[in-house]
């Protein structure tokens, strides 16, 4: 297999592979719809098993938190890869989710998150969870992630994110 040229590697594929490597995201069927060096858009399909309140069919808040943390992490991975041409694992340092309203039952939830600042030691994100319009959010998120360097990325994880060995 040819080595991947980071300059031309599609970031949506990178975000999708990152999401696909996380067991909780596979269980929730979270999908990466788009990504750039600045943002990630993920989709969480509605499913009855994700309901936190059976009488109202409203999604459990932990599902929204998982979606927002994952979107934030994916935004960091894509931003670092686009700007520095390297993969880096960045554990969540701080995560704040402000819930504004319940998600409508039966409809998917989207997470749009941007990585707005990278320093040598911390990455910062902010974003919204929404259904019909980002202007009518379900929740907002603000996160920070510790940058621990590319040397801690295992070869198997790197290969999975880069799509090496597929085909």
N, C-alpha and C. Protein backbone atom coordinates (compact mmCIF):
# COMPACT_ATOMS: atom_id res chain seq x y z
N UNK A 1 0.85 -1.18 0.00
CA UNK A 1 0.00 0.00 0.00
C UNK A 1 0.88 1.24 0.00
N UNK A 2 0.48 2.23 -0.79
CA UNK A 2 1.19 3.50 -0.85
C UNK A 2 1.02 4.26 0.46
N UNK A 3 2.05 4.95 0.94
CA UNK A 3 1.88 5.79 2.12
C UNK A 3 0.89 6.92 1.81
N UNK A 4 0.13 7.31 2.83
CA UNK A 4 -0.87 8.35 2.67
C UNK A 4 -0.18 9.71 2.66
N UNK A 5 -0.56 10.55 1.69
CA UNK A 5 -0.08 11.93 1.66
C UNK A 5 -1.04 12.75 2.50
N UNK A 6 -0.62 13.22 3.68
CA UNK A 6 -1.53 13.94 4.57
C UNK A 6 -2.14 15.19 3.93
N UNK A 7 -1.44 15.77 2.97
CA UNK A 7 -1.94 17.00 2.35
C UNK A 7 -3.24 16.76 1.60
N UNK A 8 -3.44 15.55 1.09
CA UNK A 8 -4.61 15.26 0.28
C UNK A 8 -5.56 14.25 0.94
N UNK A 9 -5.31 13.91 2.19
CA UNK A 9 -6.15 12.92 2.87
C UNK A 9 -7.47 13.55 3.28
N UNK A 10 -8.59 12.96 2.89
CA UNK A 10 -9.90 13.54 3.22
C UNK A 10 -10.19 13.49 4.73
N UNK A 11 -10.42 14.65 5.30
CA UNK A 11 -10.64 14.72 6.74
C UNK A 11 -11.96 14.09 7.16
N UNK A 12 -12.96 14.08 6.29
CA UNK A 12 -14.21 13.40 6.64
C UNK A 12 -13.96 11.91 6.84
N UNK A 13 -13.10 11.33 6.02
CA UNK A 13 -12.75 9.92 6.20
C UNK A 13 -12.02 9.70 7.52
N UNK A 14 -11.12 10.61 7.84
CA UNK A 14 -10.39 10.51 9.11
C UNK A 14 -11.35 10.58 10.29
N UNK A 15 -12.26 11.54 10.27
CA UNK A 15 -13.26 11.66 11.34
C UNK A 15 -14.12 10.40 11.42
N UNK A 16 -14.52 9.88 10.27
CA UNK A 16 -15.34 8.66 10.25
C UNK A 16 -14.62 7.46 10.81
N UNK A 17 -13.35 7.34 10.49
CA UNK A 17 -12.58 6.21 11.02
C UNK A 17 -12.35 6.36 12.52
N UNK A 18 -12.11 7.59 12.98
CA UNK A 18 -11.96 7.84 14.41
C UNK A 18 -13.23 7.42 15.15
N UNK A 19 -14.37 7.87 14.66
CA UNK A 19 -15.66 7.52 15.28
C UNK A 19 -15.86 6.00 15.25
N UNK A 20 -15.50 5.38 14.13
CA UNK A 20 -15.67 3.93 13.99
C UNK A 20 -14.79 3.11 14.90
N UNK A 21 -13.70 3.68 15.38
CA UNK A 21 -12.80 2.98 16.29
C UNK A 21 -13.32 2.98 17.73
N UNK A 22 -14.28 3.81 18.04
CA UNK A 22 -14.79 3.95 19.41
C UNK A 22 -16.02 3.06 19.60
N UNK A 23 -15.92 2.12 20.54
CA UNK A 23 -16.99 1.14 20.75
C UNK A 23 -18.33 1.81 21.04
N UNK A 24 -18.32 2.87 21.85
CA UNK A 24 -19.57 3.53 22.19
C UNK A 24 -20.21 4.17 20.96
N UNK A 25 -19.40 4.65 20.05
CA UNK A 25 -19.93 5.27 18.83
C UNK A 25 -20.50 4.22 17.88
N UNK A 26 -19.85 3.07 17.82
CA UNK A 26 -20.41 1.97 17.00
C UNK A 26 -21.76 1.55 17.58
N UNK A 27 -21.86 1.45 18.89
CA UNK A 27 -23.11 1.05 19.54
C UNK A 27 -24.22 2.08 19.28
N UNK A 28 -23.85 3.37 19.26
CA UNK A 28 -24.82 4.44 19.06
C UNK A 28 -25.06 4.75 17.58
N UNK A 29 -24.30 4.10 16.69
CA UNK A 29 -24.40 4.32 15.24
C UNK A 29 -24.09 5.76 14.83
N UNK A 30 -23.17 6.40 15.54
CA UNK A 30 -22.77 7.76 15.20
C UNK A 30 -22.00 7.74 13.89
N UNK A 31 -22.28 8.73 13.05
CA UNK A 31 -21.70 8.79 11.70
C UNK A 31 -21.08 10.18 11.47
N UNK A 32 -19.92 10.20 10.87
CA UNK A 32 -19.28 11.46 10.48
C UNK A 32 -19.82 11.87 9.11
N UNK A 33 -20.40 13.07 9.04
CA UNK A 33 -20.96 13.57 7.79
C UNK A 33 -19.99 14.48 7.04
N UNK A 34 -19.22 15.28 7.78
CA UNK A 34 -18.23 16.15 7.14
C UNK A 34 -17.19 16.57 8.16
N UNK A 35 -16.04 16.96 7.65
CA UNK A 35 -14.97 17.44 8.51
C UNK A 35 -14.03 18.32 7.70
N UNK A 36 -13.43 19.26 8.40
CA UNK A 36 -12.40 20.13 7.82
C UNK A 36 -11.36 20.39 8.90
N UNK A 37 -10.39 21.24 8.60
CA UNK A 37 -9.39 21.56 9.62
C UNK A 37 -9.99 22.37 10.75
N UNK A 38 -11.21 22.87 10.57
CA UNK A 38 -11.85 23.71 11.58
C UNK A 38 -13.05 23.07 12.28
N UNK A 39 -13.72 22.12 11.64
CA UNK A 39 -14.97 21.62 12.22
C UNK A 39 -15.21 20.15 11.89
N UNK A 40 -16.17 19.58 12.63
CA UNK A 40 -16.68 18.23 12.36
C UNK A 40 -18.19 18.26 12.54
N UNK A 41 -18.90 17.54 11.67
CA UNK A 41 -20.34 17.37 11.78
C UNK A 41 -20.63 15.88 11.91
N UNK A 42 -21.23 15.49 13.05
CA UNK A 42 -21.60 14.10 13.28
C UNK A 42 -23.11 13.98 13.37
N UNK A 43 -23.60 12.76 13.10
CA UNK A 43 -25.04 12.47 13.17
C UNK A 43 -25.27 11.29 14.11
N UNK A 44 -26.22 11.46 15.02
CA UNK A 44 -26.66 10.40 15.93
C UNK A 44 -28.09 10.03 15.54
N UNK A 45 -28.30 8.85 14.95
CA UNK A 45 -29.67 8.45 14.62
C UNK A 45 -30.48 8.17 15.88
N UNK A 46 -31.75 8.48 15.83
CA UNK A 46 -32.64 8.16 16.95
C UNK A 46 -32.85 6.66 16.99
N UNK A 47 -32.89 6.12 18.19
CA UNK A 47 -33.23 4.70 18.38
C UNK A 47 -33.89 4.57 19.74
N UNK A 48 -34.90 3.72 19.82
CA UNK A 48 -35.65 3.53 21.07
C UNK A 48 -34.76 3.11 22.24
N UNK A 49 -33.67 2.40 21.95
CA UNK A 49 -32.79 1.93 23.03
C UNK A 49 -32.02 3.08 23.68
N UNK A 50 -32.04 4.27 23.08
CA UNK A 50 -31.31 5.42 23.61
C UNK A 50 -32.18 6.35 24.44
N UNK A 51 -33.44 5.96 24.61
CA UNK A 51 -34.40 6.79 25.34
C UNK A 51 -34.09 6.75 26.83
N UNK A 52 -34.09 7.94 27.43
CA UNK A 52 -33.86 8.04 28.87
C UNK A 52 -35.15 8.17 29.65
N UNK A 53 -36.20 8.61 28.99
CA UNK A 53 -37.49 8.85 29.64
C UNK A 53 -38.59 8.19 28.81
N UNK A 54 -38.93 6.93 29.14
CA UNK A 54 -39.87 6.17 28.32
C UNK A 54 -41.23 6.86 28.11
N UNK A 55 -41.68 7.59 29.12
CA UNK A 55 -42.99 8.23 28.97
C UNK A 55 -42.99 9.36 27.93
N UNK A 56 -41.83 9.97 27.67
CA UNK A 56 -41.75 11.05 26.67
C UNK A 56 -40.97 10.65 25.43
N UNK A 57 -40.24 9.53 25.47
CA UNK A 57 -39.39 9.06 24.38
C UNK A 57 -38.20 9.99 24.10
N UNK A 58 -37.82 10.81 25.08
CA UNK A 58 -36.70 11.73 24.94
C UNK A 58 -35.38 10.98 25.15
N UNK A 59 -34.39 11.32 24.33
CA UNK A 59 -33.07 10.69 24.44
C UNK A 59 -32.44 10.97 25.80
N UNK A 60 -31.67 10.02 26.28
CA UNK A 60 -30.93 10.17 27.52
C UNK A 60 -29.85 11.23 27.34
N UNK A 61 -29.66 12.08 28.34
CA UNK A 61 -28.66 13.14 28.26
C UNK A 61 -27.24 12.62 28.07
N UNK A 62 -26.96 11.45 28.61
CA UNK A 62 -25.63 10.87 28.44
C UNK A 62 -25.30 10.56 26.99
N UNK A 63 -26.31 10.26 26.20
CA UNK A 63 -26.11 10.00 24.78
C UNK A 63 -25.68 11.30 24.07
N UNK A 64 -26.32 12.40 24.44
CA UNK A 64 -25.96 13.70 23.86
C UNK A 64 -24.54 14.08 24.30
N UNK A 65 -24.21 13.84 25.56
CA UNK A 65 -22.86 14.14 26.05
C UNK A 65 -21.83 13.32 25.29
N UNK A 66 -22.09 12.05 25.06
CA UNK A 66 -21.18 11.19 24.30
C UNK A 66 -21.00 11.72 22.88
N UNK A 67 -22.10 12.10 22.25
CA UNK A 67 -22.03 12.67 20.90
C UNK A 67 -21.16 13.92 20.88
N UNK A 68 -21.34 14.80 21.84
CA UNK A 68 -20.62 16.07 21.86
C UNK A 68 -19.13 15.88 22.19
N UNK A 69 -18.82 14.98 23.10
CA UNK A 69 -17.43 14.69 23.43
C UNK A 69 -16.73 14.07 22.22
N UNK A 70 -17.40 13.16 21.53
CA UNK A 70 -16.83 12.51 20.36
C UNK A 70 -16.61 13.51 19.23
N UNK A 71 -17.59 14.36 18.98
CA UNK A 71 -17.45 15.37 17.93
C UNK A 71 -16.30 16.32 18.25
N UNK A 72 -16.17 16.68 19.51
CA UNK A 72 -15.07 17.56 19.92
C UNK A 72 -13.73 16.88 19.71
N UNK A 73 -13.62 15.63 20.12
CA UNK A 73 -12.38 14.88 19.92
C UNK A 73 -12.04 14.71 18.45
N UNK A 74 -13.04 14.43 17.64
CA UNK A 74 -12.82 14.29 16.20
C UNK A 74 -12.37 15.62 15.58
N UNK A 75 -12.94 16.72 16.05
CA UNK A 75 -12.53 18.03 15.55
C UNK A 75 -11.06 18.31 15.88
N UNK A 76 -10.63 17.91 17.06
CA UNK A 76 -9.23 18.09 17.45
C UNK A 76 -8.32 17.23 16.57
N UNK A 77 -8.67 15.96 16.40
CA UNK A 77 -7.86 15.06 15.56
C UNK A 77 -7.71 15.64 14.15
N UNK A 78 -8.82 16.10 13.57
CA UNK A 78 -8.78 16.65 12.21
C UNK A 78 -7.99 17.94 12.14
N UNK A 79 -8.14 18.79 13.13
CA UNK A 79 -7.43 20.07 13.13
C UNK A 79 -5.91 19.85 13.23
N UNK A 80 -5.50 18.99 14.14
CA UNK A 80 -4.06 18.70 14.28
C UNK A 80 -3.52 18.07 13.01
N UNK A 81 -4.26 17.11 12.46
CA UNK A 81 -3.80 16.43 11.25
C UNK A 81 -3.67 17.41 10.09
N UNK A 82 -4.66 18.29 9.93
CA UNK A 82 -4.63 19.25 8.82
C UNK A 82 -3.53 20.28 8.98
N UNK A 83 -3.31 20.72 10.19
CA UNK A 83 -2.34 21.81 10.41
C UNK A 83 -0.91 21.33 10.64
N UNK A 84 -0.77 20.16 11.25
CA UNK A 84 0.57 19.70 11.64
C UNK A 84 0.98 18.40 10.96
N UNK A 85 0.09 17.83 10.15
CA UNK A 85 0.38 16.61 9.39
C UNK A 85 0.79 15.44 10.27
N UNK A 86 0.10 15.31 11.41
CA UNK A 86 0.37 14.18 12.30
C UNK A 86 -0.91 13.78 13.02
N UNK A 87 -0.95 12.53 13.43
CA UNK A 87 -2.03 12.03 14.27
C UNK A 87 -1.59 12.16 15.72
N UNK A 88 -2.52 12.56 16.54
CA UNK A 88 -2.19 12.74 17.96
C UNK A 88 -3.42 12.39 18.78
N UNK A 89 -3.23 11.63 19.84
CA UNK A 89 -4.32 11.35 20.77
C UNK A 89 -4.38 12.47 21.80
N UNK A 90 -5.59 12.89 22.10
CA UNK A 90 -5.76 14.01 23.03
C UNK A 90 -6.92 13.69 23.97
N UNK A 91 -6.63 13.27 25.19
CA UNK A 91 -7.71 12.97 26.14
C UNK A 91 -8.44 14.24 26.57
N UNK A 92 -9.71 14.07 26.88
CA UNK A 92 -10.54 15.19 27.33
C UNK A 92 -10.06 15.66 28.70
N UNK A 93 -9.76 16.95 28.80
CA UNK A 93 -9.41 17.56 30.08
C UNK A 93 -10.65 18.11 30.77
N UNK A 94 -11.45 18.82 30.02
CA UNK A 94 -12.64 19.46 30.58
C UNK A 94 -13.74 19.43 29.54
N UNK A 95 -14.94 19.13 29.99
CA UNK A 95 -16.10 19.03 29.10
C UNK A 95 -17.28 19.67 29.80
N UNK A 96 -17.86 20.65 29.14
CA UNK A 96 -19.06 21.27 29.69
C UNK A 96 -20.14 21.21 28.62
N UNK A 97 -21.27 20.61 28.98
CA UNK A 97 -22.43 20.55 28.09
C UNK A 97 -23.57 21.27 28.78
N UNK A 98 -24.10 22.28 28.13
CA UNK A 98 -25.27 23.01 28.61
C UNK A 98 -26.47 22.56 27.79
N UNK A 99 -27.42 21.93 28.48
CA UNK A 99 -28.63 21.45 27.80
C UNK A 99 -29.66 22.58 27.75
N UNK A 100 -30.23 22.81 26.58
CA UNK A 100 -31.16 23.91 26.38
C UNK A 100 -32.59 23.44 26.18
N UNK A 101 -32.73 22.25 25.63
CA UNK A 101 -34.07 21.67 25.44
C UNK A 101 -33.91 20.19 25.11
N UNK A 102 -34.99 19.47 25.21
CA UNK A 102 -34.96 18.04 24.88
C UNK A 102 -34.98 17.87 23.36
N UNK A 103 -34.32 16.83 22.91
CA UNK A 103 -34.37 16.48 21.49
C UNK A 103 -35.75 15.91 21.18
N UNK A 104 -36.24 16.20 19.98
CA UNK A 104 -37.53 15.67 19.55
C UNK A 104 -37.40 14.17 19.33
N UNK A 105 -38.31 13.39 19.90
CA UNK A 105 -38.28 11.94 19.70
C UNK A 105 -38.42 11.57 18.23
N UNK A 106 -37.73 10.50 17.86
CA UNK A 106 -37.85 9.95 16.52
C UNK A 106 -36.97 10.62 15.47
N UNK A 107 -36.22 11.65 15.84
CA UNK A 107 -35.40 12.37 14.86
C UNK A 107 -33.92 12.31 15.23
N UNK A 108 -33.05 12.33 14.23
CA UNK A 108 -31.61 12.31 14.54
C UNK A 108 -31.16 13.61 15.19
N UNK A 109 -30.02 13.54 15.84
CA UNK A 109 -29.38 14.72 16.44
C UNK A 109 -28.03 14.90 15.75
N UNK A 110 -27.71 16.14 15.45
CA UNK A 110 -26.45 16.48 14.80
C UNK A 110 -25.56 17.22 15.78
N UNK A 111 -24.26 17.03 15.64
CA UNK A 111 -23.28 17.77 16.45
C UNK A 111 -22.32 18.48 15.50
N UNK A 112 -22.29 19.79 15.59
CA UNK A 112 -21.34 20.61 14.82
C UNK A 112 -20.37 21.21 15.83
N UNK A 113 -19.10 20.82 15.73
CA UNK A 113 -18.09 21.27 16.68
C UNK A 113 -16.89 21.81 15.92
N UNK A 114 -16.33 22.89 16.42
CA UNK A 114 -15.12 23.45 15.83
C UNK A 114 -13.98 23.40 16.83
N UNK A 115 -12.80 23.14 16.32
CA UNK A 115 -11.57 23.27 17.11
C UNK A 115 -11.06 24.67 16.79
N UNK A 116 -11.21 25.57 17.75
CA UNK A 116 -10.94 26.98 17.47
C UNK A 116 -9.57 27.45 17.96
N UNK A 117 -8.86 26.60 18.72
CA UNK A 117 -7.54 27.02 19.21
C UNK A 117 -6.70 25.79 19.52
N UNK A 118 -5.49 25.78 18.98
CA UNK A 118 -4.51 24.75 19.29
C UNK A 118 -3.29 25.43 19.90
N UNK A 119 -2.87 24.96 21.06
CA UNK A 119 -1.60 25.39 21.62
C UNK A 119 -0.69 24.17 21.63
N UNK A 120 0.51 24.31 22.11
CA UNK A 120 1.42 23.16 22.16
C UNK A 120 0.97 22.11 23.17
N UNK A 121 0.12 22.48 24.12
CA UNK A 121 -0.28 21.53 25.16
C UNK A 121 -1.79 21.30 25.28
N UNK A 122 -2.61 22.18 24.72
CA UNK A 122 -4.06 22.07 24.88
C UNK A 122 -4.76 22.43 23.56
N UNK A 123 -5.86 21.72 23.27
CA UNK A 123 -6.73 22.04 22.14
C UNK A 123 -8.09 22.43 22.71
N UNK A 124 -8.73 23.42 22.09
CA UNK A 124 -10.01 23.95 22.58
C UNK A 124 -11.09 23.81 21.51
N UNK A 125 -12.28 23.38 21.95
CA UNK A 125 -13.40 23.21 21.02
C UNK A 125 -14.65 23.86 21.59
N UNK A 126 -15.60 24.11 20.66
CA UNK A 126 -16.94 24.58 21.05
C UNK A 126 -17.89 24.12 19.95
N UNK A 127 -19.15 23.91 20.35
CA UNK A 127 -20.09 23.44 19.35
C UNK A 127 -21.51 23.35 19.85
N UNK A 128 -22.38 22.87 18.94
CA UNK A 128 -23.81 22.78 19.19
C UNK A 128 -24.34 21.40 18.80
N UNK A 129 -25.31 20.94 19.56
CA UNK A 129 -26.13 19.79 19.18
C UNK A 129 -27.47 20.35 18.75
N UNK A 130 -28.00 19.85 17.65
CA UNK A 130 -29.26 20.39 17.12
C UNK A 130 -29.97 19.33 16.28
N UNK A 131 -31.20 19.64 15.91
CA UNK A 131 -31.94 18.77 15.00
C UNK A 131 -32.29 19.49 13.70
N UNK A 132 -33.24 20.40 13.74
CA UNK A 132 -33.69 21.07 12.52
C UNK A 132 -32.76 22.20 12.09
N UNK A 133 -32.23 22.94 13.05
CA UNK A 133 -31.41 24.10 12.75
C UNK A 133 -30.39 24.33 13.85
N UNK A 134 -29.17 24.64 13.46
CA UNK A 134 -28.13 24.95 14.44
C UNK A 134 -28.50 26.21 15.23
N UNK A 135 -29.40 27.01 14.69
CA UNK A 135 -29.86 28.23 15.37
C UNK A 135 -30.88 27.93 16.48
N UNK A 136 -31.29 26.67 16.59
CA UNK A 136 -32.22 26.24 17.63
C UNK A 136 -31.62 25.03 18.34
N UNK A 137 -30.53 25.25 19.11
CA UNK A 137 -29.77 24.12 19.65
C UNK A 137 -30.47 23.36 20.77
N UNK A 138 -30.09 22.10 20.85
CA UNK A 138 -30.49 21.23 21.95
C UNK A 138 -29.52 21.44 23.11
N UNK A 139 -28.24 21.58 22.76
CA UNK A 139 -27.19 21.74 23.77
C UNK A 139 -25.99 22.43 23.13
N UNK A 140 -25.17 23.01 23.99
CA UNK A 140 -23.89 23.54 23.53
C UNK A 140 -22.79 22.88 24.34
N UNK A 141 -21.60 22.83 23.74
CA UNK A 141 -20.47 22.19 24.38
C UNK A 141 -19.24 23.09 24.28
N UNK A 142 -18.44 23.05 25.33
CA UNK A 142 -17.11 23.67 25.35
C UNK A 142 -16.18 22.64 25.96
N UNK A 143 -15.07 22.36 25.28
CA UNK A 143 -14.14 21.32 25.76
C UNK A 143 -12.70 21.79 25.64
N UNK A 144 -11.86 21.16 26.44
CA UNK A 144 -10.42 21.28 26.26
C UNK A 144 -9.83 19.88 26.30
N UNK A 145 -8.77 19.70 25.52
CA UNK A 145 -8.12 18.40 25.38
C UNK A 145 -6.63 18.54 25.59
N UNK A 146 -6.04 17.60 26.30
CA UNK A 146 -4.60 17.61 26.55
C UNK A 146 -3.89 17.01 25.34
N UNK A 147 -2.93 17.73 24.83
CA UNK A 147 -2.11 17.21 23.73
C UNK A 147 -0.95 16.42 24.33
N UNK A 148 -0.87 15.14 23.98
CA UNK A 148 0.15 14.28 24.57
C UNK A 148 1.16 13.78 23.55
N UNK A 149 1.03 14.22 22.31
CA UNK A 149 2.04 13.91 21.31
C UNK A 149 1.72 12.72 20.45
N UNK A 150 2.27 12.70 19.24
CA UNK A 150 2.01 11.62 18.29
C UNK A 150 2.70 10.31 18.66
N UNK A 151 3.71 10.37 19.49
CA UNK A 151 4.44 9.14 19.81
C UNK A 151 3.61 8.13 20.61
N UNK A 152 2.50 8.55 21.19
CA UNK A 152 1.66 7.62 21.96
C UNK A 152 0.56 6.96 21.12
N UNK A 153 0.49 7.32 19.84
CA UNK A 153 -0.48 6.68 18.95
C UNK A 153 0.09 5.32 18.56
N UNK A 154 -0.67 4.26 18.84
CA UNK A 154 -0.19 2.93 18.48
C UNK A 154 -0.23 2.75 16.97
N UNK A 155 0.58 1.86 16.47
CA UNK A 155 0.62 1.61 15.04
C UNK A 155 -0.73 1.09 14.54
N UNK A 156 -1.38 0.24 15.32
CA UNK A 156 -2.68 -0.30 14.88
C UNK A 156 -3.74 0.79 14.82
N UNK A 157 -3.74 1.72 15.78
CA UNK A 157 -4.70 2.82 15.78
C UNK A 157 -4.41 3.77 14.61
N UNK A 158 -3.13 4.07 14.40
CA UNK A 158 -2.74 4.93 13.28
C UNK A 158 -3.19 4.30 11.95
N UNK A 159 -2.93 3.02 11.79
CA UNK A 159 -3.31 2.32 10.56
C UNK A 159 -4.83 2.34 10.36
N UNK A 160 -5.57 2.14 11.45
CA UNK A 160 -7.03 2.16 11.36
C UNK A 160 -7.54 3.54 10.95
N UNK A 161 -6.99 4.59 11.53
CA UNK A 161 -7.44 5.94 11.19
C UNK A 161 -7.05 6.34 9.78
N UNK A 162 -5.92 5.85 9.31
CA UNK A 162 -5.46 6.20 7.97
C UNK A 162 -6.04 5.29 6.90
N UNK A 163 -6.77 4.24 7.32
CA UNK A 163 -7.39 3.34 6.35
C UNK A 163 -6.41 2.40 5.69
N UNK A 164 -5.28 2.19 6.32
CA UNK A 164 -4.28 1.28 5.77
C UNK A 164 -4.69 -0.15 6.04
N UNK A 165 -4.49 -0.99 5.08
CA UNK A 165 -4.86 -2.39 5.23
C UNK A 165 -6.28 -2.67 4.76
N UNK A 166 -7.01 -1.63 4.33
CA UNK A 166 -8.35 -1.83 3.79
C UNK A 166 -8.24 -2.25 2.33
N UNK A 167 -9.28 -2.87 1.87
CA UNK A 167 -9.33 -3.13 0.44
C UNK A 167 -9.08 -4.54 0.14
